Amino acid sequence: MVYPHGIVYDFESYLDKAKSYKLTVDLTYENVHVPISVSVGDTVDNKPTHICDADTKDLITSFMHL
């Protein structure tokens, strides 16, 4: 089955080197990817939507409620 419509999204993030943490004795994360923006497009409306928010939780919430 072929669907006539599609949705695409792209998150942009930065590496926060201040957020290192030790997960186990042998595994330490030296930095964390922190999402800062997302772009959403679809084949129905040719105008993409851009969301930018420094608060990660607010960014994801806004993305999920599009």
C-alpha atoms as a PDB file:
ATOM      1  CA  MET A   1       0.000   0.000   0.000  1.00  0.00           C
ATOM      2  CA  VAL A   2       1.292   3.457  -0.902  1.00  0.00           C
ATOM      3  CA  TYR A   3       0.255   6.408   1.226  1.00  0.00           C
ATOM      4  CA  PRO A   4      -0.218   9.708  -0.652  1.00  0.00           C
ATOM      5  CA  HIS A   5       0.985  11.908   2.228  1.00  0.00           C
ATOM      6  CA  GLY A   6       4.109  12.090   4.308  1.00  0.00           C
ATOM      7  CA  ILE A   7       5.441  13.922   7.362  1.00  0.00           C
ATOM      8  CA  VAL A   8       9.111  14.678   7.970  1.00  0.00           C
ATOM      9  CA  TYR A   9      10.852  16.278  10.933  1.00  0.00           C
ATOM     10  CA  ASP A  10      14.397  17.248  11.823  1.00  0.00           C
ATOM     11  CA  PHE A  11      15.726  18.054  15.286  1.00  0.00           C
ATOM     12  CA  GLU A  12      18.774  20.264  15.771  1.00  0.00           C
ATOM     13  CA  SER A  13      20.783  19.961  18.963  1.00  0.00           C
ATOM     14  CA  TYR A  14      24.019  21.039  20.576  1.00  0.00           C
ATOM     15  CA  LEU A  15      26.552  19.171  22.700  1.00  0.00           C
ATOM     16  CA  ASP A  16      26.513  20.292  26.301  1.00  0.00           C
ATOM     17  CA  LYS A  17      29.894  19.334  27.730  1.00  0.00           C
ATOM     18  CA  ALA A  18      28.882  20.517  31.212  1.00  0.00           C
ATOM     19  CA  LYS A  19      26.368  17.669  31.547  1.00  0.00           C
ATOM     20  CA  SER A  20      28.707  14.705  31.913  1.00  0.00           C
ATOM     21  CA  TYR A  21      27.630  11.849  34.137  1.00  0.00           C
ATOM     22  CA  LYS A  22      28.790   8.401  35.099  1.00  0.00           C
ATOM     23  CA  LEU A  23      26.214   5.792  34.098  1.00  0.00           C
ATOM     24  CA  THR A  24      28.111   2.726  35.374  1.00  0.00           C
ATOM     25  CA  VAL A  25      31.555   2.007  36.710  1.00  0.00           C
ATOM     26  CA  ASP A  26      32.829   1.464  33.161  1.00  0.00           C
ATOM     27  CA  LEU A  27      30.658   3.966  31.238  1.00  0.00           C
ATOM     28  CA  THR A  28      30.829   7.744  31.514  1.00  0.00           C
ATOM     29  CA  TYR A  29      29.047  10.150  29.195  1.00  0.00           C
ATOM     30  CA  GLU A  30      31.282  13.165  28.616  1.00  0.00           C
ATOM     31  CA  ASN A  31      28.576  15.311  27.006  1.00  0.00           C
ATOM     32  CA  VAL A  32      24.870  15.241  26.168  1.00  0.00           C
ATOM     33  CA  HIS A  33      22.936  16.116  22.995  1.00  0.00           C
ATOM     34  CA  VAL A  34      20.432  18.799  23.960  1.00  0.00           C
ATOM     35  CA  PRO A  35      17.665  19.456  21.410  1.00  0.00           C
ATOM     36  CA  ILE A  36      17.070  23.140  20.724  1.00  0.00           C
ATOM     37  CA  SER A  37      14.840  23.261  17.632  1.00  0.00           C
ATOM     38  CA  VAL A  38      12.710  21.142  15.334  1.00  0.00           C
ATOM     39  CA  SER A  39      11.356  21.638  11.819  1.00  0.00           C
ATOM     40  CA  VAL A  40       8.271  19.770  10.640  1.00  0.00           C
ATOM     41  CA  GLY A  41       7.010  19.490   7.092  1.00  0.00           C
ATOM     42  CA  ASP A  42       4.348  17.508   5.295  1.00  0.00           C
ATOM     43  CA  THR A  43       3.043  16.908   1.796  1.00  0.00           C
ATOM     44  CA  VAL A  44      -0.389  18.440   2.517  1.00  0.00           C
ATOM     45  CA  ASP A  45       0.792  21.923   3.545  1.00  0.00           C
ATOM     46  CA  ASN A  46       3.973  22.974   1.742  1.00  0.00           C
ATOM     47  CA  LYS A  47       4.822  25.487   4.482  1.00  0.00           C
ATOM     48  CA  PRO A  48       7.182  23.992   7.123  1.00  0.00           C
ATOM     49  CA  THR A  49       6.751  24.670  10.838  1.00  0.00           C
ATOM     50  CA  HIS A  50       9.788  25.648  12.935  1.00  0.00           C
ATOM     51  CA  ILE A  51       9.870  25.461  16.716  1.00  0.00           C
ATOM     52  CA  CYS A  52      12.775  26.761  18.788  1.00  0.00           C
ATOM     53  CA  ASP A  53      12.845  26.573  22.585  1.00  0.00           C
ATOM     54  CA  ALA A  54      15.757  26.495  25.030  1.00  0.00           C
ATOM     55  CA  ASP A  55      13.668  24.385  27.430  1.00  0.00           C
ATOM     56  CA  THR A  56      13.876  20.799  26.146  1.00  0.00           C
ATOM     57  CA  LYS A  57      10.616  19.688  27.771  1.00  0.00           C
ATOM     58  CA  ASP A  58       8.687  22.615  26.255  1.00  0.00           C
ATOM     59  CA  LEU A  59      10.232  21.910  22.833  1.00  0.00           C
ATOM     60  CA  ILE A  60       9.161  18.252  22.886  1.00  0.00           C
ATOM     61  CA  THR A  61       5.695  19.152  24.206  1.00  0.00           C
ATOM     62  CA  SER A  62       5.212  21.705  21.406  1.00  0.00           C
ATOM     63  CA  PHE A  63       6.405  19.149  18.848  1.00  0.00           C
ATOM     64  CA  MET A  64       4.008  16.471  20.117  1.00  0.00           C
ATOM     65  CA  HIS A  65       1.035  18.878  20.002  1.00  0.00           C
ATOM     66  CA  LEU A  66       1.469  19.973  16.373  1.00  0.00           C
END
